[in-house]
Protein backbone atom coordinates (compact mmCIF):
# COMPACT_ATOMS: atom_id res chain seq x y z
CA MET A 1 -4.00 -18.18 -12.97
CA LYS A 2 -7.02 -17.74 -15.28
CA TRP A 3 -9.08 -20.34 -13.38
CA PHE A 4 -8.15 -18.76 -10.05
CA GLU A 5 -9.38 -15.41 -11.37
CA ILE A 6 -12.63 -16.93 -12.63
CA GLY A 7 -13.15 -18.76 -9.33
CA LEU A 8 -12.51 -15.60 -7.33
CA VAL A 9 -15.07 -13.64 -9.38
CA VAL A 10 -17.70 -16.41 -9.13
CA LEU A 11 -17.26 -16.85 -5.37
CA THR A 12 -17.36 -13.10 -4.75
CA PHE A 13 -20.58 -12.62 -6.66
CA ALA A 14 -22.17 -15.80 -5.25
CA THR A 15 -21.48 -14.91 -1.62
CA GLY A 16 -22.52 -11.32 -2.22
CA LEU A 17 -25.79 -12.41 -3.84
CA VAL A 18 -26.63 -14.82 -1.00
CA TRP A 19 -25.90 -12.13 1.60
CA LEU A 20 -27.93 -9.49 -0.28
CA LEU A 21 -30.98 -11.71 -0.86
CA ASP A 22 -31.02 -12.74 2.77
CA ARG A 23 -30.73 -9.14 3.95
CA LEU A 24 -33.55 -7.94 1.65
CA PHE A 25 -36.02 -10.80 2.05
CA PHE A 26 -35.30 -13.83 4.22
CA ALA A 27 -33.86 -12.08 7.30
CA ARG A 28 -37.06 -10.06 7.67
CA ARG A 29 -39.19 -13.20 7.48
CA ARG A 30 -37.11 -14.91 10.15
CA ALA A 31 -37.35 -11.83 12.37
CA ALA A 32 -41.11 -11.69 11.92
CA ARG A 33 -41.57 -15.30 12.92
CA ALA A 34 -38.94 -15.14 15.66
CA GLY A 35 -39.11 -18.88 16.05
CA LEU A 36 -36.50 -21.09 17.59
CA LEU A 37 -36.27 -23.07 14.37
CA ASP A 38 -35.73 -19.96 12.25
CA GLU A 39 -32.04 -19.59 12.86
CA GLU A 40 -29.83 -18.04 10.19
CA PRO A 41 -28.77 -20.71 7.65
CA ALA A 42 -25.10 -21.66 7.62
CA VAL A 43 -24.73 -20.63 3.96
CA VAL A 44 -25.82 -17.09 4.87
CA ASP A 45 -23.45 -16.99 7.83
CA TYR A 46 -20.52 -18.11 5.67
CA SER A 47 -21.47 -15.74 2.83
CA ARG A 48 -21.63 -12.73 5.16
CA ALA A 49 -18.25 -13.63 6.61
CA PHE A 50 -16.41 -14.35 3.37
CA PHE A 51 -17.93 -11.79 1.00
CA PRO A 52 -16.00 -8.74 2.33
CA VAL A 53 -12.72 -10.66 2.23
CA LEU A 54 -13.30 -12.00 -1.28
CA ALA A 55 -14.45 -8.61 -2.52
CA ALA A 56 -11.37 -6.90 -1.09
CA VAL A 57 -9.03 -9.45 -2.69
CA LEU A 58 -10.83 -9.15 -6.03
CA VAL A 59 -10.62 -5.36 -6.04
CA LEU A 60 -6.97 -5.27 -4.95
CA ARG A 61 -5.66 -7.82 -7.47
CA SER A 62 -7.84 -6.53 -10.32
CA PHE A 63 -7.31 -2.79 -9.97
CA VAL A 64 -4.34 -2.15 -7.62
CA ALA A 65 -1.60 -4.82 -7.57
CA GLU A 66 -1.36 -8.50 -8.44
CA PRO A 67 1.36 -11.01 -7.48
CA TYR A 68 3.20 -13.18 -10.00
CA LYS A 69 6.04 -15.67 -9.81
CA ILE A 70 8.90 -15.66 -12.33
CA PRO A 71 9.00 -19.16 -13.89
CA SER A 72 11.87 -18.82 -16.38
CA SER A 73 15.26 -17.21 -16.94
CA SER A 74 14.20 -14.96 -19.85
CA MET A 75 14.47 -11.77 -17.75
CA MET A 76 17.84 -12.49 -16.16
CA PRO A 77 19.85 -10.80 -14.76
CA ASN A 78 17.13 -8.47 -13.46
CA LEU A 79 14.48 -11.07 -12.61
CA LEU A 80 15.47 -14.54 -11.45
CA ILE A 81 13.64 -17.84 -11.29
CA GLY A 82 11.86 -17.88 -7.94
CA ASP A 83 11.26 -14.14 -7.75
CA PHE A 84 7.77 -13.19 -6.59
CA ILE A 85 6.84 -9.81 -8.02
CA LEU A 86 4.05 -7.25 -7.73
CA VAL A 87 2.40 -5.84 -10.84
CA ASN A 88 0.77 -2.41 -10.92
CA LYS A 89 -2.71 -2.99 -12.37
CA PHE A 90 -3.67 0.65 -13.02
CA SER A 91 -0.57 1.97 -14.82
CA TYR A 92 -2.08 1.16 -18.22
CA GLY A 93 -5.74 1.65 -17.34
CA LEU A 94 -8.31 -0.19 -15.25
CA ARG A 95 -9.39 -3.51 -16.76
CA LEU A 96 -12.22 -5.87 -15.97
CA PRO A 97 -11.22 -9.18 -14.36
CA VAL A 98 -11.28 -12.32 -16.57
CA THR A 99 -11.99 -10.42 -19.83
CA ASN A 100 -9.12 -7.93 -19.36
CA ARG A 101 -11.20 -5.29 -21.17
CA LYS A 102 -10.07 -1.72 -20.39
CA PHE A 103 -12.83 0.54 -19.11
CA VAL A 104 -10.82 3.44 -17.67
CA PRO A 105 -7.78 4.58 -19.71
CA LEU A 106 -5.04 5.93 -17.44
CA GLY A 107 -1.76 5.55 -19.31
CA GLU A 108 0.30 3.67 -21.90
CA PRO A 109 3.56 1.68 -21.66
CA GLU A 110 6.81 3.57 -21.99
CA ARG A 111 9.96 2.25 -23.57
CA GLY A 112 11.86 0.19 -21.03
CA ASP A 113 8.83 -0.79 -18.93
CA VAL A 114 8.76 -4.39 -17.70
CA VAL A 115 5.24 -5.61 -18.45
CA VAL A 116 3.14 -8.67 -17.69
CA PHE A 117 0.86 -9.68 -20.55
CA LYS A 118 -1.02 -12.49 -22.22
CA PRO A 119 1.00 -13.63 -25.28
CA PRO A 120 -1.13 -13.44 -28.45
CA HIS A 121 -0.36 -17.05 -29.38
CA ASP A 122 -1.13 -18.43 -25.88
CA PRO A 123 -3.61 -16.09 -24.14
CA ASP A 124 -4.22 -18.44 -21.20
CA GLN A 125 -0.71 -17.74 -19.88
CA ASN A 126 0.94 -14.70 -18.33
CA TRP A 127 4.39 -13.73 -19.60
CA ILE A 128 6.81 -10.96 -18.64
CA LYS A 129 9.15 -9.01 -20.95
CA ARG A 130 10.52 -5.51 -21.49
CA VAL A 131 8.97 -3.03 -23.93
CA VAL A 132 11.61 -1.93 -26.46
CA GLY A 133 9.39 -0.88 -29.37
CA LEU A 134 6.46 1.55 -29.28
CA PRO A 135 3.77 2.00 -31.94
CA GLY A 136 5.35 3.32 -35.13
CA ASP A 137 8.92 2.35 -34.19
CA ARG A 138 11.27 0.57 -36.57
CA ILE A 139 13.03 -2.15 -34.56
CA ALA A 140 16.01 -4.19 -35.72
CA PHE A 141 18.27 -6.72 -34.05
CA HIS A 142 21.55 -7.48 -35.82
CA GLY A 143 24.45 -9.34 -34.25
CA ASP A 144 24.11 -8.52 -30.57
CA THR A 145 22.84 -4.98 -31.09
CA LEU A 146 19.35 -3.53 -30.88
CA TYR A 147 18.43 -0.72 -33.29
CA ILE A 148 15.54 1.69 -32.73
CA ASN A 149 14.46 3.84 -35.69
CA GLY A 150 17.79 3.29 -37.38
CA GLU A 151 19.92 4.21 -34.36
CA ALA A 152 22.06 1.58 -32.64
CA VAL A 153 21.43 1.31 -28.91
CA ARG A 154 24.59 1.91 -26.88
CA TYR A 155 25.97 -0.80 -24.56
CA THR A 156 28.45 -0.61 -21.68
CA PRO A 157 30.17 -3.91 -20.73
CA ILE A 158 30.13 -4.71 -17.00
CA GLY A 159 31.87 -8.08 -16.94
CA GLN A 160 31.12 -11.79 -16.81
CA TYR A 161 27.88 -12.89 -15.22
CA VAL A 162 28.12 -15.33 -12.30
CA GLY A 163 25.08 -17.60 -12.45
CA LYS A 164 23.69 -19.24 -9.32
CA GLY A 165 21.04 -21.86 -8.61
CA ARG A 166 18.66 -22.38 -11.51
CA GLY A 167 20.32 -19.48 -13.31
CA ALA A 168 23.69 -21.24 -13.46
CA GLU A 169 23.15 -21.94 -17.18
CA MET A 170 24.06 -18.32 -17.91
CA ASP A 171 27.32 -18.44 -15.94
CA GLY A 172 30.03 -16.82 -18.04
CA ALA A 173 27.69 -14.78 -20.25
CA THR A 174 28.53 -11.12 -20.76
CA LEU A 175 26.72 -8.68 -18.49
CA LEU A 176 26.07 -5.29 -20.09
CA THR A 177 24.18 -2.10 -19.45
CA GLU A 178 21.80 -1.37 -22.33
CA HIS A 179 21.11 2.35 -22.73
CA LEU A 180 17.59 2.48 -24.09
CA PRO A 181 16.40 6.05 -24.80
CA GLY A 182 15.47 7.34 -21.36
CA ARG A 183 16.05 4.04 -19.54
CA ASP A 184 19.21 2.11 -18.60
CA HIS A 185 19.04 -1.53 -17.57
CA ARG A 186 21.19 -4.65 -17.56
CA VAL A 187 21.10 -7.43 -20.16
CA LEU A 188 22.84 -10.75 -20.72
CA GLU A 189 24.33 -11.85 -24.04
CA TRP A 190 26.65 -14.54 -25.36
CA ILE A 191 28.60 -12.06 -27.49
CA ASP A 192 31.06 -14.68 -28.79
CA ARG A 193 28.40 -16.65 -30.69
CA ALA A 194 28.84 -16.52 -34.47
CA ALA A 195 25.15 -16.41 -35.42
CA PRO A 196 22.89 -15.16 -32.63
CA ALA A 197 19.23 -16.07 -32.94
CA GLY A 198 16.43 -13.58 -33.38
CA GLN A 199 17.87 -11.45 -36.18
CA GLY A 200 15.54 -9.27 -38.21
CA GLU A 201 13.73 -5.99 -38.70
CA TRP A 202 10.18 -5.05 -37.72
CA THR A 203 7.87 -2.02 -37.85
CA VAL A 204 5.54 -1.82 -34.86
CA PRO A 205 1.89 -1.20 -35.87
CA GLU A 206 -0.46 1.12 -34.01
CA GLY A 207 -1.91 -0.34 -30.83
CA HIS A 208 0.96 -2.83 -30.48
CA TYR A 209 4.37 -3.13 -28.80
CA PHE A 210 7.63 -4.97 -29.45
CA VAL A 211 8.89 -6.79 -26.34
CA MET A 212 12.14 -8.59 -25.55
CA GLY A 213 13.61 -10.49 -22.63
CA ASP A 214 16.72 -9.12 -20.91
CA ASN A 215 18.36 -12.53 -21.36
CA ARG A 216 18.75 -11.91 -25.07
CA ASP A 217 19.90 -15.41 -26.09
CA ASN A 218 17.37 -17.25 -23.93
CA SER A 219 14.03 -15.49 -24.38
CA GLU A 220 10.97 -16.38 -26.45
CA ASP A 221 9.92 -12.86 -27.29
CA SER A 222 8.63 -10.75 -30.18
CA ARG A 223 11.60 -11.78 -32.35
CA PHE A 224 10.38 -15.38 -32.43
CA TRP A 225 6.58 -15.16 -32.43
CA THR A 226 5.34 -16.66 -35.69
CA GLN A 227 1.69 -15.54 -35.84
CA THR A 228 2.56 -11.93 -35.00
CA SER A 229 5.74 -10.31 -33.73
CA PHE A 230 3.85 -7.73 -31.72
CA LEU A 231 2.05 -7.51 -28.41
CA PRO A 232 -1.49 -6.07 -28.72
CA GLU A 233 -2.32 -3.35 -26.21
CA GLU A 234 -5.44 -5.23 -25.08
CA ASN A 235 -3.24 -8.14 -23.89
CA LEU A 236 -1.42 -6.05 -21.27
CA ARG A 237 -1.95 -7.03 -17.65
CA GLY A 238 0.16 -4.44 -15.86
CA LYS A 239 3.60 -3.01 -15.06
CA ALA A 240 6.00 -4.99 -12.85
CA PHE A 241 7.46 -2.75 -10.14
CA LEU A 242 8.65 -4.73 -7.07
CA ILE A 243 10.20 -8.02 -5.96
CA TRP A 244 8.61 -8.97 -2.65
CA LEU A 245 10.12 -12.46 -2.19
CA ASN A 246 12.61 -14.86 -3.72
CA CYS A 247 12.53 -18.54 -2.90
CA GLU A 248 11.93 -21.97 -4.42
CA GLY A 249 9.89 -24.99 -3.41
CA TRP A 250 6.77 -25.30 -1.31
CA PHE A 251 6.89 -23.02 1.72
CA CYS A 252 10.33 -21.82 0.50
CA THR A 253 11.99 -25.10 1.42
CA GLY A 254 14.48 -24.61 -1.42
CA SER A 255 16.79 -21.67 -1.97
CA PHE A 256 15.92 -18.37 -0.29
CA ASP A 257 17.49 -14.99 -1.04
CA PRO A 258 16.37 -12.31 1.45
CA GLY A 259 18.58 -9.74 -0.26
CA ARG A 260 16.15 -9.50 -3.20
CA ILE A 261 13.16 -8.62 -1.04
CA GLY A 262 12.02 -5.08 -1.71
CA THR A 263 14.06 -4.68 -4.91
CA ARG A 264 12.44 -2.27 -7.36
CA ILE A 265 12.16 -3.46 -10.95
CA LYS A 266 13.66 -1.11 -13.50
């Protein structure tokens, strides 16, 4: 994804520069000579044709919405392997492509937001988790229960999860509604395990967030990061808001679930 972004920026600026230089200097010279051998070079023709398209794509995916594909089961049951999602790129401020540096602050993550980000220990990748801890929060995870500022989060059991396809590994896990302050969403847990992983307590520093996967026993999230347990604000990429496709394999030759198209992420 990083190399695609770099390539898109380079091609946009290169085609734009060729088109601009020709318009300012070389086109006038060709018009003055008006010779049969002074036809417009092919590189100028291609640059003029592709620059508007490349520029539009760059602006849209950098500042409006960017597509991602869910590669793992860490956000089950809400996001499945094979989901293609759209990420709002201006919810947390406008950021420059490639560098991800914010230049227009517009908002900050709220508790319960599903965010795409660059993990601090592997910044070349894009991950997706849910924000459970805001700056200044005291977060704890004991047993199968999340605690925020000393208060246990309430859970409502729904039943057993029925896993399908590449999510079959979670078949039989307990499906629950987690009542985060101001935001309800579903989670998966193996509540019969004697010693669940990811136990501990953390205090979120300023400018950072504590994130967790909805698949609580199968998510590499803030509980397990060794260098730092927190997501820096500058690593945010955007807020996930819509599933626009679900399929597997090249050209969707594998499984295909039209029922997930248009599902809002909450």
